Amino acid sequence: MRWIKQLTTKNIGEQTEQLAAHYLRQQGLNCLTCNFSSKYGEIDIIAQDDDVLVFVEVKYRKQANYGGAIAAISAAKQQKLKLCASFYLQQAQLNEYNTPCRFDVVALQGPIEQPNITWLKNAF
């Protein structure tokens, strides 16, 4: 029965990433790719905000226990995201020193049917 919970968790993750991408599009960003995966990890959303390439981590928590969704992004996770972003830039043949980039967090909290969305630009 453990696989049932994992499947449900995966479905919730996919749903929250879709909600986050939709929200970012409404805010004027162009979502380039979702779930970019490398040997360093995964970036949930890669988007363009004018001339800035935006790497987005999406976090969902039903309740605010233990600091909520935003607090769930550890320093180790941030480092993995930075390595993964660097790998993405290399794959896209972009110079990481000349390409404006930032790391954002979209935190969703509350009932999955209608969560509160918080967008932190340049979160780390």
PDB file of N, CA and C in Angstrom:
ATOM      1  N   MET A   1       0.806  -1.204   0.000  1.00  0.00           N
ATOM      2  CA  MET A   1       0.000   0.000   0.000  1.00  0.00           C
ATOM      3  C   MET A   1       0.849   1.267   0.000  1.00  0.00           C
ATOM      4  N   ARG A   2       2.132   1.128   0.287  1.00  0.00           N
ATOM      5  CA  ARG A   2       3.000   2.299   0.319  1.00  0.00           C
ATOM      6  C   ARG A   2       3.053   3.004  -1.039  1.00  0.00           C
ATOM      7  N   TRP A   3       3.020   2.250  -2.126  1.00  0.00           N
ATOM      8  CA  TRP A   3       3.082   2.834  -3.456  1.00  0.00           C
ATOM      9  C   TRP A   3       1.898   3.741  -3.732  1.00  0.00           C
ATOM     10  N   ILE A   4       0.759   3.501  -3.091  1.00  0.00           N
ATOM     11  CA  ILE A   4      -0.414   4.361  -3.280  1.00  0.00           C
ATOM     12  C   ILE A   4      -0.108   5.765  -2.777  1.00  0.00           C
ATOM     13  N   LYS A   5       0.516   5.873  -1.608  1.00  0.00           N
ATOM     14  CA  LYS A   5       0.870   7.184  -1.072  1.00  0.00           C
ATOM     15  C   LYS A   5       1.888   7.883  -1.970  1.00  0.00           C
ATOM     16  N   GLN A   6       2.875   7.127  -2.476  1.00  0.00           N
ATOM     17  CA  GLN A   6       3.879   7.721  -3.345  1.00  0.00           C
ATOM     18  C   GLN A   6       3.243   8.246  -4.628  1.00  0.00           C
ATOM     19  N   LEU A   7       2.326   7.498  -5.190  1.00  0.00           N
ATOM     20  CA  LEU A   7       1.637   7.935  -6.397  1.00  0.00           C
ATOM     21  C   LEU A   7       0.844   9.201  -6.115  1.00  0.00           C
ATOM     22  N   THR A   8       0.160   9.236  -4.998  1.00  0.00           N
ATOM     23  CA  THR A   8      -0.606  10.416  -4.626  1.00  0.00           C
ATOM     24  C   THR A   8       0.314  11.617  -4.437  1.00  0.00           C
ATOM     25  N   THR A   9       1.432  11.423  -3.780  1.00  0.00           N
ATOM     26  CA  THR A   9       2.397  12.502  -3.579  1.00  0.00           C
ATOM     27  C   THR A   9       2.920  13.004  -4.917  1.00  0.00           C
ATOM     28  N   LYS A  10       3.210  12.083  -5.832  1.00  0.00           N
ATOM     29  CA  LYS A  10       3.687  12.473  -7.166  1.00  0.00           C
ATOM     30  C   LYS A  10       2.621  13.286  -7.894  1.00  0.00           C
ATOM     31  N   ASN A  11       1.370  12.836  -7.822  1.00  0.00           N
ATOM     32  CA  ASN A  11       0.287  13.564  -8.487  1.00  0.00           C
ATOM     33  C   ASN A  11       0.116  14.964  -7.911  1.00  0.00           C
ATOM     34  N   ILE A  12       0.221  15.078  -6.596  1.00  0.00           N
ATOM     35  CA  ILE A  12       0.123  16.398  -5.965  1.00  0.00           C
ATOM     36  C   ILE A  12       1.271  17.280  -6.434  1.00  0.00           C
ATOM     37  N   GLY A  13       2.470  16.720  -6.522  1.00  0.00           N
ATOM     38  CA  GLY A  13       3.623  17.477  -7.004  1.00  0.00           C
ATOM     39  C   GLY A  13       3.414  17.991  -8.417  1.00  0.00           C
ATOM     40  N   GLU A  14       2.920  17.135  -9.284  1.00  0.00           N
ATOM     41  CA  GLU A  14       2.649  17.545 -10.666  1.00  0.00           C
ATOM     42  C   GLU A  14       1.587  18.634 -10.709  1.00  0.00           C
ATOM     43  N   GLN A  15       0.552  18.475  -9.908  1.00  0.00           N
ATOM     44  CA  GLN A  15      -0.531  19.463  -9.884  1.00  0.00           C
ATOM     45  C   GLN A  15      -0.030  20.815  -9.381  1.00  0.00           C
ATOM     46  N   THR A  16       0.777  20.811  -8.325  1.00  0.00           N
ATOM     47  CA  THR A  16       1.272  22.089  -7.796  1.00  0.00           C
ATOM     48  C   THR A  16       2.223  22.756  -8.781  1.00  0.00           C
ATOM     49  N   GLU A  17       3.017  21.973  -9.498  1.00  0.00           N
ATOM     50  CA  GLU A  17       3.904  22.557 -10.505  1.00  0.00           C
ATOM     51  C   GLU A  17       3.100  23.168 -11.649  1.00  0.00           C
ATOM     52  N   GLN A  18       2.003  22.522 -12.035  1.00  0.00           N
ATOM     53  CA  GLN A  18       1.137  23.085 -13.073  1.00  0.00           C
ATOM     54  C   GLN A  18       0.488  24.384 -12.597  1.00  0.00           C
ATOM     55  N   LEU A  19       0.028  24.401 -11.348  1.00  0.00           N
ATOM     56  CA  LEU A  19      -0.554  25.626 -10.783  1.00  0.00           C
ATOM     57  C   LEU A  19       0.479  26.746 -10.748  1.00  0.00           C
ATOM     58  N   ALA A  20       1.694  26.415 -10.344  1.00  0.00           N
ATOM     59  CA  ALA A  20       2.760  27.418 -10.269  1.00  0.00           C
ATOM     60  C   ALA A  20       3.096  27.959 -11.656  1.00  0.00           C
ATOM     61  N   ALA A  21       3.205  27.082 -12.649  1.00  0.00           N
ATOM     62  CA  ALA A  21       3.507  27.520 -14.014  1.00  0.00           C
ATOM     63  C   ALA A  21       2.398  28.427 -14.544  1.00  0.00           C
ATOM     64  N   HIS A  22       1.159  28.061 -14.293  1.00  0.00           N
ATOM     65  CA  HIS A  22       0.024  28.888 -14.714  1.00  0.00           C
ATOM     66  C   HIS A  22       0.090  30.263 -14.043  1.00  0.00           C
ATOM     67  N   TYR A  23       0.363  30.268 -12.763  1.00  0.00           N
ATOM     68  CA  TYR A  23       0.476  31.525 -12.011  1.00  0.00           C
ATOM     69  C   TYR A  23       1.593  32.404 -12.592  1.00  0.00           C
ATOM     70  N   LEU A  24       2.744  31.806 -12.875  1.00  0.00           N
ATOM     71  CA  LEU A  24       3.865  32.578 -13.420  1.00  0.00           C
ATOM     72  C   LEU A  24       3.531  33.139 -14.803  1.00  0.00           C
ATOM     73  N   ARG A  25       2.820  32.371 -15.610  1.00  0.00           N
ATOM     74  CA  ARG A  25       2.388  32.879 -16.926  1.00  0.00           C
ATOM     75  C   ARG A  25       1.461  34.080 -16.755  1.00  0.00           C
ATOM     76  N   GLN A  26       0.574  34.007 -15.780  1.00  0.00           N
ATOM     77  CA  GLN A  26      -0.326  35.135 -15.510  1.00  0.00           C
ATOM     78  C   GLN A  26       0.456  36.380 -15.088  1.00  0.00           C
ATOM     79  N   GLN A  27       1.613  36.174 -14.478  1.00  0.00           N
ATOM     80  CA  GLN A  27       2.441  37.295 -14.038  1.00  0.00           C
ATOM     81  C   GLN A  27       3.361  37.799 -15.151  1.00  0.00           C
ATOM     82  N   GLY A  28       3.283  37.190 -16.336  1.00  0.00           N
ATOM     83  CA  GLY A  28       4.034  37.664 -17.486  1.00  0.00           C
ATOM     84  C   GLY A  28       5.295  36.890 -17.821  1.00  0.00           C
ATOM     85  N   LEU A  29       5.586  35.823 -17.107  1.00  0.00           N
ATOM     86  CA  LEU A  29       6.763  35.027 -17.415  1.00  0.00           C
ATOM     87  C   LEU A  29       6.458  34.043 -18.539  1.00  0.00           C
ATOM     88  N   ASN A  30       7.478  33.684 -19.278  1.00  0.00           N
ATOM     89  CA  ASN A  30       7.366  32.683 -20.329  1.00  0.00           C
ATOM     90  C   ASN A  30       8.022  31.406 -19.813  1.00  0.00           C
ATOM     91  N   CYS A  31       7.234  30.388 -19.559  1.00  0.00           N
ATOM     92  CA  CYS A  31       7.769  29.121 -19.049  1.00  0.00           C
ATOM     93  C   CYS A  31       8.420  28.359 -20.200  1.00  0.00           C
ATOM     94  N   LEU A  32       9.720  28.124 -20.079  1.00  0.00           N
ATOM     95  CA  LEU A  32      10.475  27.462 -21.132  1.00  0.00           C
ATOM     96  C   LEU A  32      10.442  25.944 -21.007  1.00  0.00           C
ATOM     97  N   THR A  33      10.587  25.451 -19.791  1.00  0.00           N
ATOM     98  CA  THR A  33      10.576  24.007 -19.569  1.00  0.00           C
ATOM     99  C   THR A  33      10.189  23.700 -18.129  1.00  0.00           C
ATOM    100  N   CYS A  34       9.659  22.517 -17.942  1.00  0.00           N
ATOM    101  CA  CYS A  34       9.317  22.043 -16.598  1.00  0.00           C
ATOM    102  C   CYS A  34      10.072  20.748 -16.336  1.00  0.00           C
ATOM    103  N   ASN A  35      10.437  20.549 -15.092  1.00  0.00           N
ATOM    104  CA  ASN A  35      11.096  19.325 -14.643  1.00  0.00           C
ATOM    105  C   ASN A  35      12.384  19.025 -15.404  1.00  0.00           C
ATOM    106  N   PHE A  36      13.249  20.028 -15.503  1.00  0.00           N
ATOM    107  CA  PHE A  36      14.569  19.806 -16.095  1.00  0.00           C
ATOM    108  C   PHE A  36      15.380  18.950 -15.139  1.00  0.00           C
ATOM    109  N   SER A  37      15.892  17.854 -15.647  1.00  0.00           N
ATOM    110  CA  SER A  37      16.587  16.891 -14.800  1.00  0.00           C
ATOM    111  C   SER A  37      18.034  16.739 -15.250  1.00  0.00           C
ATOM    112  N   SER A  38      18.924  16.627 -14.275  1.00  0.00           N
ATOM    113  CA  SER A  38      20.335  16.382 -14.559  1.00  0.00           C
ATOM    114  C   SER A  38      20.898  15.499 -13.459  1.00  0.00           C
ATOM    115  N   LYS A  39      22.179  15.185 -13.562  1.00  0.00           N
ATOM    116  CA  LYS A  39      22.812  14.373 -12.523  1.00  0.00           C
ATOM    117  C   LYS A  39      22.874  15.112 -11.194  1.00  0.00           C
ATOM    118  N   TYR A  40      22.642  16.420 -11.206  1.00  0.00           N
ATOM    119  CA  TYR A  40      22.676  17.226  -9.983  1.00  0.00           C
ATOM    120  C   TYR A  40      21.316  17.335  -9.302  1.00  0.00           C
ATOM    121  N   GLY A  41      20.269  16.978 -10.023  1.00  0.00           N
ATOM    122  CA  GLY A  41      18.929  17.096  -9.462  1.00  0.00           C
ATOM    123  C   GLY A  41      17.948  17.592 -10.502  1.00  0.00           C
ATOM    124  N   GLU A  42      16.882  18.225 -10.032  1.00  0.00           N
ATOM    125  CA  GLU A  42      15.811  18.671 -10.918  1.00  0.00           C
ATOM    126  C   GLU A  42      15.423  20.109 -10.604  1.00  0.00           C
ATOM    127  N   ILE A  43      15.137  20.853 -11.664  1.00  0.00           N
ATOM    128  CA  ILE A  43      14.585  22.199 -11.522  1.00  0.00           C
ATOM    129  C   ILE A  43      13.132  22.112 -11.967  1.00  0.00           C
ATOM    130  N   ASP A  44      12.231  22.564 -11.113  1.00  0.00           N
ATOM    131  CA  ASP A  44      10.802  22.415 -11.390  1.00  0.00           C
ATOM    132  C   ASP A  44      10.367  23.198 -12.622  1.00  0.00           C
ATOM    133  N   ILE A  45      10.749  24.476 -12.688  1.00  0.00           N
ATOM    134  CA  ILE A  45      10.346  25.328 -13.816  1.00  0.00           C
ATOM    135  C   ILE A  45      11.528  26.213 -14.203  1.00  0.00           C
ATOM    136  N   ILE A  46      11.752  26.332 -15.504  1.00  0.00           N
ATOM    137  CA  ILE A  46      12.712  27.303 -16.017  1.00  0.00           C
ATOM    138  C   ILE A  46      11.904  28.256 -16.886  1.00  0.00           C
ATOM    139  N   ALA A  47      12.007  29.539 -16.580  1.00  0.00           N
ATOM    140  CA  ALA A  47      11.180  30.542 -17.256  1.00  0.00           C
ATOM    141  C   ALA A  47      12.033  31.737 -17.669  1.00  0.00           C
ATOM    142  N   GLN A  48      11.446  32.570 -18.503  1.00  0.00           N
ATOM    143  CA  GLN A  48      12.083  33.808 -18.946  1.00  0.00           C
ATOM    144  C   GLN A  48      11.250  34.972 -18.436  1.00  0.00           C
ATOM    145  N   ASP A  49      11.902  35.920 -17.773  1.00  0.00           N
ATOM    146  CA  ASP A  49      11.256  37.142 -17.287  1.00  0.00           C
ATOM    147  C   ASP A  49      12.008  38.303 -17.908  1.00  0.00           C
ATOM    148  N   ASP A  50      11.488  38.807 -19.019  1.00  0.00           N
ATOM    149  CA  ASP A  50      12.196  39.784 -19.848  1.00  0.00           C
ATOM    150  C   ASP A  50      13.539  39.184 -20.252  1.00  0.00           C
ATOM    151  N   ASP A  51      14.658  39.790 -19.837  1.00  0.00           N
ATOM    152  CA  ASP A  51      15.965  39.264 -20.238  1.00  0.00           C
ATOM    153  C   ASP A  51      16.599  38.369 -19.173  1.00  0.00           C
ATOM    154  N   VAL A  52      15.837  38.015 -18.144  1.00  0.00           N
ATOM    155  CA  VAL A  52      16.362  37.216 -17.035  1.00  0.00           C
ATOM    156  C   VAL A  52      15.862  35.774 -17.135  1.00  0.00           C
ATOM    157  N   LEU A  53      16.796  34.833 -17.025  1.00  0.00           N
ATOM    158  CA  LEU A  53      16.450  33.424 -16.965  1.00  0.00           C
ATOM    159  C   LEU A  53      16.140  33.089 -15.507  1.00  0.00           C
ATOM    160  N   VAL A  54      14.978  32.490 -15.269  1.00  0.00           N
ATOM    161  CA  VAL A  54      14.504  32.261 -13.901  1.00  0.00           C
ATOM    162  C   VAL A  54      14.393  30.757 -13.642  1.00  0.00           C
ATOM    163  N   PHE A  55      15.082  30.315 -12.602  1.00  0.00           N
ATOM    164  CA  PHE A  55      15.006  28.928 -12.154  1.00  0.00           C
ATOM    165  C   PHE A  55      14.076  28.903 -10.946  1.00  0.00           C
ATOM    166  N   VAL A  56      13.009  28.126 -11.051  1.00  0.00           N
ATOM    167  CA  VAL A  56      11.951  28.172 -10.042  1.00  0.00           C
ATOM    168  C   VAL A  56      11.838  26.839  -9.308  1.00  0.00           C
ATOM    169  N   GLU A  57      11.878  26.914  -7.988  1.00  0.00           N
ATOM    170  CA  GLU A  57      11.595  25.764  -7.128  1.00  0.00           C
ATOM    171  C   GLU A  57      10.161  25.911  -6.629  1.00  0.00           C
ATOM    172  N   VAL A  58       9.373  24.867  -6.786  1.00  0.00           N
ATOM    173  CA  VAL A  58       7.979  24.870  -6.347  1.00  0.00           C
ATOM    174  C   VAL A  58       7.870  23.991  -5.107  1.00  0.00           C
ATOM    175  N   LYS A  59       7.264  24.539  -4.063  1.00  0.00           N
ATOM    176  CA  LYS A  59       7.067  23.778  -2.828  1.00  0.00           C
ATOM    177  C   LYS A  59       5.611  23.888  -2.399  1.00  0.00           C
ATOM    178  N   TYR A  60       5.070  22.769  -1.944  1.00  0.00           N
ATOM    179  CA  TYR A  60       3.691  22.736  -1.457  1.00  0.00           C
ATOM    180  C   TYR A  60       3.654  22.128  -0.065  1.00  0.00           C
ATOM    181  N   ARG A  61       2.889  22.752   0.784  1.00  0.00           N
ATOM    182  CA  ARG A  61       2.600  22.203   2.103  1.00  0.00           C
ATOM    183  C   ARG A  61       1.119  22.455   2.382  1.00  0.00           C
ATOM    184  N   LYS A  62       0.461  21.426   2.852  1.00  0.00           N
ATOM    185  CA  LYS A  62      -0.955  21.576   3.181  1.00  0.00           C
ATOM    186  C   LYS A  62      -1.122  22.474   4.397  1.00  0.00           C
ATOM    187  N   GLN A  63      -0.196  22.349   5.351  1.00  0.00           N
ATOM    188  CA  GLN A  63      -0.262  23.141   6.579  1.00  0.00           C
ATOM    189  C   GLN A  63       1.057  23.870   6.796  1.00  0.00           C
ATOM    190  N   ALA A  64       1.022  24.862   7.656  1.00  0.00           N
ATOM    191  CA  ALA A  64       2.204  25.683   7.911  1.00  0.00           C
ATOM    192  C   ALA A  64       3.118  25.101   8.986  1.00  0.00           C
ATOM    193  N   ASN A  65       2.892  23.857   9.368  1.00  0.00           N
ATOM    194  CA  ASN A  65       3.743  23.228  10.385  1.00  0.00           C
ATOM    195  C   ASN A  65       5.211  23.280   9.967  1.00  0.00           C
ATOM    196  N   TYR A  66       6.080  23.474  10.923  1.00  0.00           N
ATOM    197  CA  TYR A  66       7.528  23.476  10.696  1.00  0.00           C
ATOM    198  C   TYR A  66       7.964  24.555   9.704  1.00  0.00           C
ATOM    199  N   GLY A  67       7.262  25.658   9.653  1.00  0.00           N
ATOM    200  CA  GLY A  67       7.671  26.768   8.810  1.00  0.00           C
ATOM    201  C   GLY A  67       7.021  26.818   7.449  1.00  0.00           C
ATOM    202  N   GLY A  68       6.239  25.837   7.104  1.00  0.00           N
ATOM    203  CA  GLY A  68       5.531  25.855   5.832  1.00  0.00           C
ATOM    204  C   GLY A  68       6.412  25.524   4.644  1.00  0.00           C
ATOM    205  N   ALA A  69       5.913  25.835   3.464  1.00  0.00           N
ATOM    206  CA  ALA A  69       6.565  25.449   2.214  1.00  0.00           C
ATOM    207  C   ALA A  69       7.909  26.139   2.016  1.00  0.00           C
ATOM    208  N   ILE A  70       7.980  27.405   2.347  1.00  0.00           N
ATOM    209  CA  ILE A  70       9.209  28.164   2.101  1.00  0.00           C
ATOM    210  C   ILE A  70      10.365  27.623   2.931  1.00  0.00           C
ATOM    211  N   ALA A  71      10.095  27.260   4.166  1.00  0.00           N
ATOM    212  CA  ALA A  71      11.144  26.757   5.057  1.00  0.00           C
ATOM    213  C   ALA A  71      11.661  25.385   4.630  1.00  0.00           C
ATOM    214  N   ALA A  72      10.982  24.734   3.704  1.00  0.00           N
ATOM    215  CA  ALA A  72      11.375  23.391   3.280  1.00  0.00           C
ATOM    216  C   ALA A  72      12.554  23.396   2.311  1.00  0.00           C
ATOM    217  N   ILE A  73      13.041  24.558   1.930  1.00  0.00           N
ATOM    218  CA  ILE A  73      14.145  24.636   0.976  1.00  0.00           C
ATOM    219  C   ILE A  73      15.441  24.871   1.749  1.00  0.00           C
ATOM    220  N   SER A  74      16.164  23.802   1.967  1.00  0.00           N
ATOM    221  CA  SER A  74      17.389  23.846   2.769  1.00  0.00           C
ATOM    222  C   SER A  74      18.557  24.430   1.975  1.00  0.00           C
ATOM    223  N   ALA A  75      19.633  24.720   2.677  1.00  0.00           N
ATOM    224  CA  ALA A  75      20.857  25.203   2.025  1.00  0.00           C
ATOM    225  C   ALA A  75      21.395  24.147   1.059  1.00  0.00           C
ATOM    226  N   ALA A  76      21.291  22.881   1.431  1.00  0.00           N
ATOM    227  CA  ALA A  76      21.744  21.800   0.548  1.00  0.00           C
ATOM    228  C   ALA A  76      20.908  21.763  -0.734  1.00  0.00           C
ATOM    229  N   LYS A  77      19.603  21.959  -0.613  1.00  0.00           N
ATOM    230  CA  LYS A  77      18.723  21.985  -1.782  1.00  0.00           C
ATOM    231  C   LYS A  77      19.068  23.175  -2.677  1.00  0.00           C
ATOM    232  N   GLN A  78      19.331  24.319  -2.076  1.00  0.00           N
ATOM    233  CA  GLN A  78      19.720  25.498  -2.840  1.00  0.00           C
ATOM    234  C   GLN A  78      21.000  25.232  -3.631  1.00  0.00           C
ATOM    235  N   GLN A  79      21.966  24.578  -3.003  1.00  0.00           N
ATOM    236  CA  GLN A  79      23.220  24.264  -3.684  1.00  0.00           C
ATOM    237  C   GLN A  79      22.983  23.321  -4.854  1.00  0.00           C
ATOM    238  N   LYS A  80      22.131  22.320  -4.671  1.00  0.00           N
ATOM    239  CA  LYS A  80      21.799  21.401  -5.764  1.00  0.00           C
ATOM    240  C   LYS A  80      21.148  22.145  -6.926  1.00  0.00           C
ATOM    241  N   LEU A  81      20.249  23.071  -6.603  1.00  0.00           N
ATOM    242  CA  LEU A  81      19.583  23.849  -7.650  1.00  0.00           C
ATOM    243  C   LEU A  81      20.586  24.695  -8.422  1.00  0.00           C
ATOM    244  N   LYS A  82      21.541  25.276  -7.726  1.00  0.00           N
ATOM    245  CA  LYS A  82      22.564  26.091  -8.388  1.00  0.00           C
ATOM    246  C   LYS A  82      23.425  25.243  -9.321  1.00  0.00           C
ATOM    247  N   LEU A  83      23.809  24.056  -8.877  1.00  0.00           N
ATOM    248  CA  LEU A  83      24.585  23.156  -9.735  1.00  0.00           C
ATOM    249  C   LEU A  83      23.774  22.723 -10.950  1.00  0.00           C
ATOM    250  N   CYS A  84      22.520  22.419 -10.737  1.00  0.00           N
ATOM    251  CA  CYS A  84      21.641  22.006 -11.829  1.00  0.00           C
ATOM    252  C   CYS A  84      21.441  23.149 -12.829  1.00  0.00           C
ATOM    253  N   ALA A  85      21.293  24.368 -12.322  1.00  0.00           N
ATOM    254  CA  ALA A  85      21.142  25.537 -13.195  1.00  0.00           C
ATOM    255  C   ALA A  85      22.402  25.758 -14.023  1.00  0.00           C
ATOM    256  N   SER A  86      23.555  25.599 -13.410  1.00  0.00           N
ATOM    257  CA  SER A  86      24.821  25.738 -14.127  1.00  0.00           C
ATOM    258  C   SER A  86      24.909  24.697 -15.247  1.00  0.00           C
ATOM    259  N   PHE A  87      24.483  23.485 -14.959  1.00  0.00           N
ATOM    260  CA  PHE A  87      24.460  22.428 -15.966  1.00  0.00           C
ATOM    261  C   PHE A  87      23.504  22.793 -17.105  1.00  0.00           C
ATOM    262  N   TYR A  88      22.329  23.325 -16.766  1.00  0.00           N
ATOM    263  CA  TYR A  88      21.362  23.749 -17.787  1.00  0.00           C
ATOM    264  C   TYR A  88      21.981  24.807 -18.705  1.00  0.00           C
ATOM    265  N   LEU A  89      22.646  25.784 -18.109  1.00  0.00           N
ATOM    266  CA  LEU A  89      23.266  26.844 -18.902  1.00  0.00           C
ATOM    267  C   LEU A  89      24.314  26.272 -19.853  1.00  0.00           C
ATOM    268  N   GLN A  90      25.099  25.321 -19.382  1.00  0.00           N
ATOM    269  CA  GLN A  90      26.094  24.678 -20.245  1.00  0.00           C
ATOM    270  C   GLN A  90      25.420  23.939 -21.390  1.00  0.00           C
ATOM    271  N   GLN A  91      24.355  23.197 -21.083  1.00  0.00           N
ATOM    272  CA  GLN A  91      23.631  22.447 -22.110  1.00  0.00           C
ATOM    273  C   GLN A  91      23.003  23.378 -23.148  1.00  0.00           C
ATOM    274  N   ALA A  92      22.543  24.542 -22.691  1.00  0.00           N
ATOM    275  CA  ALA A  92      21.914  25.520 -23.586  1.00  0.00           C
ATOM    276  C   ALA A  92      22.949  26.417 -24.265  1.00  0.00           C
ATOM    277  N   GLN A  93      24.226  26.144 -24.000  1.00  0.00           N
ATOM    278  CA  GLN A  93      25.344  26.917 -24.546  1.00  0.00           C
ATOM    279  C   GLN A  93      25.228  28.399 -24.202  1.00  0.00           C
ATOM    280  N   LEU A  94      24.863  28.653 -22.949  1.00  0.00           N
ATOM    281  CA  LEU A  94      24.789  30.016 -22.432  1.00  0.00           C
ATOM    282  C   LEU A  94      25.924  30.217 -21.438  1.00  0.00           C
ATOM    283  N   ASN A  95      26.496  31.393 -21.450  1.00  0.00           N
ATOM    284  CA  ASN A  95      27.578  31.713 -20.522  1.00  0.00           C
ATOM    285  C   ASN A  95      26.976  32.095 -19.180  1.00  0.00           C
ATOM    286  N   GLU A  96      27.302  31.347 -18.138  1.00  0.00           N
ATOM    287  CA  GLU A  96      26.687  31.604 -16.834  1.00  0.00           C
ATOM    288  C   GLU A  96      27.113  32.936 -16.235  1.00  0.00           C
ATOM    289  N   TYR A  97      28.192  33.518 -16.725  1.00  0.00           N
ATOM    290  CA  TYR A  97      28.652  34.806 -16.198  1.00  0.00           C
ATOM    291  C   TYR A  97      28.024  35.988 -16.933  1.00  0.00           C
ATOM    292  N   ASN A  98      27.525  35.747 -18.146  1.00  0.00           N
ATOM    293  CA  ASN A  98      26.921  36.826 -18.939  1.00  0.00           C
ATOM    294  C   ASN A  98      25.410  36.685 -19.091  1.00  0.00           C
ATOM    295  N   THR A  99      24.840  35.630 -18.554  1.00  0.00           N
ATOM    296  CA  THR A  99      23.403  35.409 -18.657  1.00  0.00           C
ATOM    297  C   THR A  99      22.745  35.808 -17.340  1.00  0.00           C
ATOM    298  N   PRO A 100      21.915  36.850 -17.353  1.00  0.00           N
ATOM    299  CA  PRO A 100      21.237  37.229 -16.108  1.00  0.00           C
ATOM    300  C   PRO A 100      20.304  36.103 -15.651  1.00  0.00           C
ATOM    301  N   CYS A 101      20.490  35.674 -14.418  1.00  0.00           N
ATOM    302  CA  CYS A 101      19.696  34.576 -13.857  1.00  0.00           C
ATOM    303  C   CYS A 101      19.251  34.937 -12.448  1.00  0.00           C
ATOM    304  N   ARG A 102      18.197  34.269 -12.016  1.00  0.00           N
ATOM    305  CA  ARG A 102      17.794  34.366 -10.616  1.00  0.00           C
ATOM    306  C   ARG A 102      17.076  33.079 -10.223  1.00  0.00           C
ATOM    307  N   PHE A 103      17.000  32.883  -8.921  1.00  0.00           N
ATOM    308  CA  PHE A 103      16.323  31.715  -8.361  1.00  0.00           C
ATOM    309  C   PHE A 103      15.102  32.200  -7.596  1.00  0.00           C
ATOM    310  N   ASP A 104      13.942  31.736  -8.029  1.00  0.00           N
ATOM    311  CA  ASP A 104      12.681  32.094  -7.387  1.00  0.00           C
ATOM    312  C   ASP A 104      12.090  30.866  -6.701  1.00  0.00           C
ATOM    313  N   VAL A 105      11.197  31.127  -5.771  1.00  0.00           N
ATOM    314  CA  VAL A 105      10.436  30.066  -5.123  1.00  0.00           C
ATOM    315  C   VAL A 105       8.958  30.401  -5.264  1.00  0.00           C
ATOM    316  N   VAL A 106       8.188  29.429  -5.692  1.00  0.00           N
ATOM    317  CA  VAL A 106       6.734  29.547  -5.657  1.00  0.00           C
ATOM    318  C   VAL A 106       6.263  28.561  -4.594  1.00  0.00           C
ATOM    319  N   ALA A 107       5.722  29.113  -3.524  1.00  0.00           N
ATOM    320  CA  ALA A 107       5.257  28.301  -2.396  1.00  0.00           C
ATOM    321  C   ALA A 107       3.739  28.255  -2.409  1.00  0.00           C
ATOM    322  N   LEU A 108       3.204  27.054  -2.366  1.00  0.00           N
ATOM    323  CA  LEU A 108       1.763  26.852  -2.312  1.00  0.00           C
ATOM    324  C   LEU A 108       1.437  26.226  -0.968  1.00  0.00           C
ATOM    325  N   GLN A 109       0.409  26.765  -0.339  1.00  0.00           N
ATOM    326  CA  GLN A 109       0.042  26.284   0.986  1.00  0.00           C
ATOM    327  C   GLN A 109      -1.468  26.295   1.150  1.00  0.00           C
ATOM    328  N   GLY A 110      -1.987  25.261   1.781  1.00  0.00           N
ATOM    329  CA  GLY A 110      -3.419  25.156   2.010  1.00  0.00           C
ATOM    330  C   GLY A 110      -4.013  24.018   1.214  1.00  0.00           C
ATOM    331  N   PRO A 111      -5.332  24.007   1.080  1.00  0.00           N
ATOM    332  CA  PRO A 111      -5.979  22.915   0.344  1.00  0.00           C
ATOM    333  C   PRO A 111      -5.520  22.901  -1.115  1.00  0.00           C
ATOM    334  N   ILE A 112      -5.224  21.730  -1.630  1.00  0.00           N
ATOM    335  CA  ILE A 112      -4.705  21.598  -2.993  1.00  0.00           C
ATOM    336  C   ILE A 112      -5.676  22.149  -4.032  1.00  0.00           C
ATOM    337  N   GLU A 113      -6.970  22.145  -3.718  1.00  0.00           N
ATOM    338  CA  GLU A 113      -7.967  22.640  -4.672  1.00  0.00           C
ATOM    339  C   GLU A 113      -7.848  24.147  -4.871  1.00  0.00           C
ATOM    340  N   GLN A 114      -7.395  24.871  -3.859  1.00  0.00           N
ATOM    341  CA  GLN A 114      -7.262  26.323  -3.963  1.00  0.00           C
ATOM    342  C   GLN A 114      -6.214  26.821  -2.954  1.00  0.00           C
ATOM    343  N   PRO A 115      -4.947  26.536  -3.232  1.00  0.00           N
ATOM    344  CA  PRO A 115      -3.906  26.925  -2.281  1.00  0.00           C
ATOM    345  C   PRO A 115      -3.586  28.414  -2.365  1.00  0.00           C
ATOM    346  N   ASN A 116      -3.030  28.930  -1.288  1.00  0.00           N
ATOM    347  CA  ASN A 116      -2.467  30.279  -1.317  1.00  0.00           C
ATOM    348  C   ASN A 116      -1.118  30.188  -2.011  1.00  0.00           C
ATOM    349  N   ILE A 117      -0.848  31.138  -2.896  1.00  0.00           N
ATOM    350  CA  ILE A 117       0.404  31.119  -3.651  1.00  0.00           C
ATOM    351  C   ILE A 117       1.247  32.317  -3.247  1.00  0.00           C
ATOM    352  N   THR A 118       2.495  32.036  -2.900  1.00  0.00           N
ATOM    353  CA  THR A 118       3.468  33.080  -2.586  1.00  0.00           C
ATOM    354  C   THR A 118       4.629  32.936  -3.557  1.00  0.00           C
ATOM    355  N   TRP A 119       4.976  34.034  -4.215  1.00  0.00           N
ATOM    356  CA  TRP A 119       6.079  34.026  -5.179  1.00  0.00           C
ATOM    357  C   TRP A 119       7.208  34.874  -4.612  1.00  0.00           C
ATOM    358  N   LEU A 120       8.323  34.233  -4.336  1.00  0.00           N
ATOM    359  CA  LEU A 120       9.507  34.939  -3.843  1.00  0.00           C
ATOM    360  C   LEU A 120      10.511  35.074  -4.978  1.00  0.00           C
ATOM    361  N   LYS A 121      10.663  36.281  -5.471  1.00  0.00           N
ATOM    362  CA  LYS A 121      11.652  36.524  -6.516  1.00  0.00           C
ATOM    363  C   LYS A 121      13.033  36.626  -5.883  1.00  0.00           C
ATOM    364  N   ASN A 122      14.014  36.112  -6.595  1.00  0.00           N
ATOM    365  CA  ASN A 122      15.405  36.185  -6.147  1.00  0.00           C
ATOM    366  C   ASN A 122      15.533  35.659  -4.712  1.00  0.00           C
ATOM    367  N   ALA A 123      14.974  34.489  -4.473  1.00  0.00           N
ATOM    368  CA  ALA A 123      14.874  33.925  -3.124  1.00  0.00           C
ATOM    369  C   ALA A 123      16.224  33.545  -2.519  1.00  0.00           C
ATOM    370  N   PHE A 124      17.176  33.175  -3.369  1.00  0.00           N
ATOM    371  CA  PHE A 124      18.514  32.834  -2.863  1.00  0.00           C
ATOM    372  C   PHE A 124      19.550  32.994  -3.942  1.00  0.00           C
TER     373      PHE A 124
END
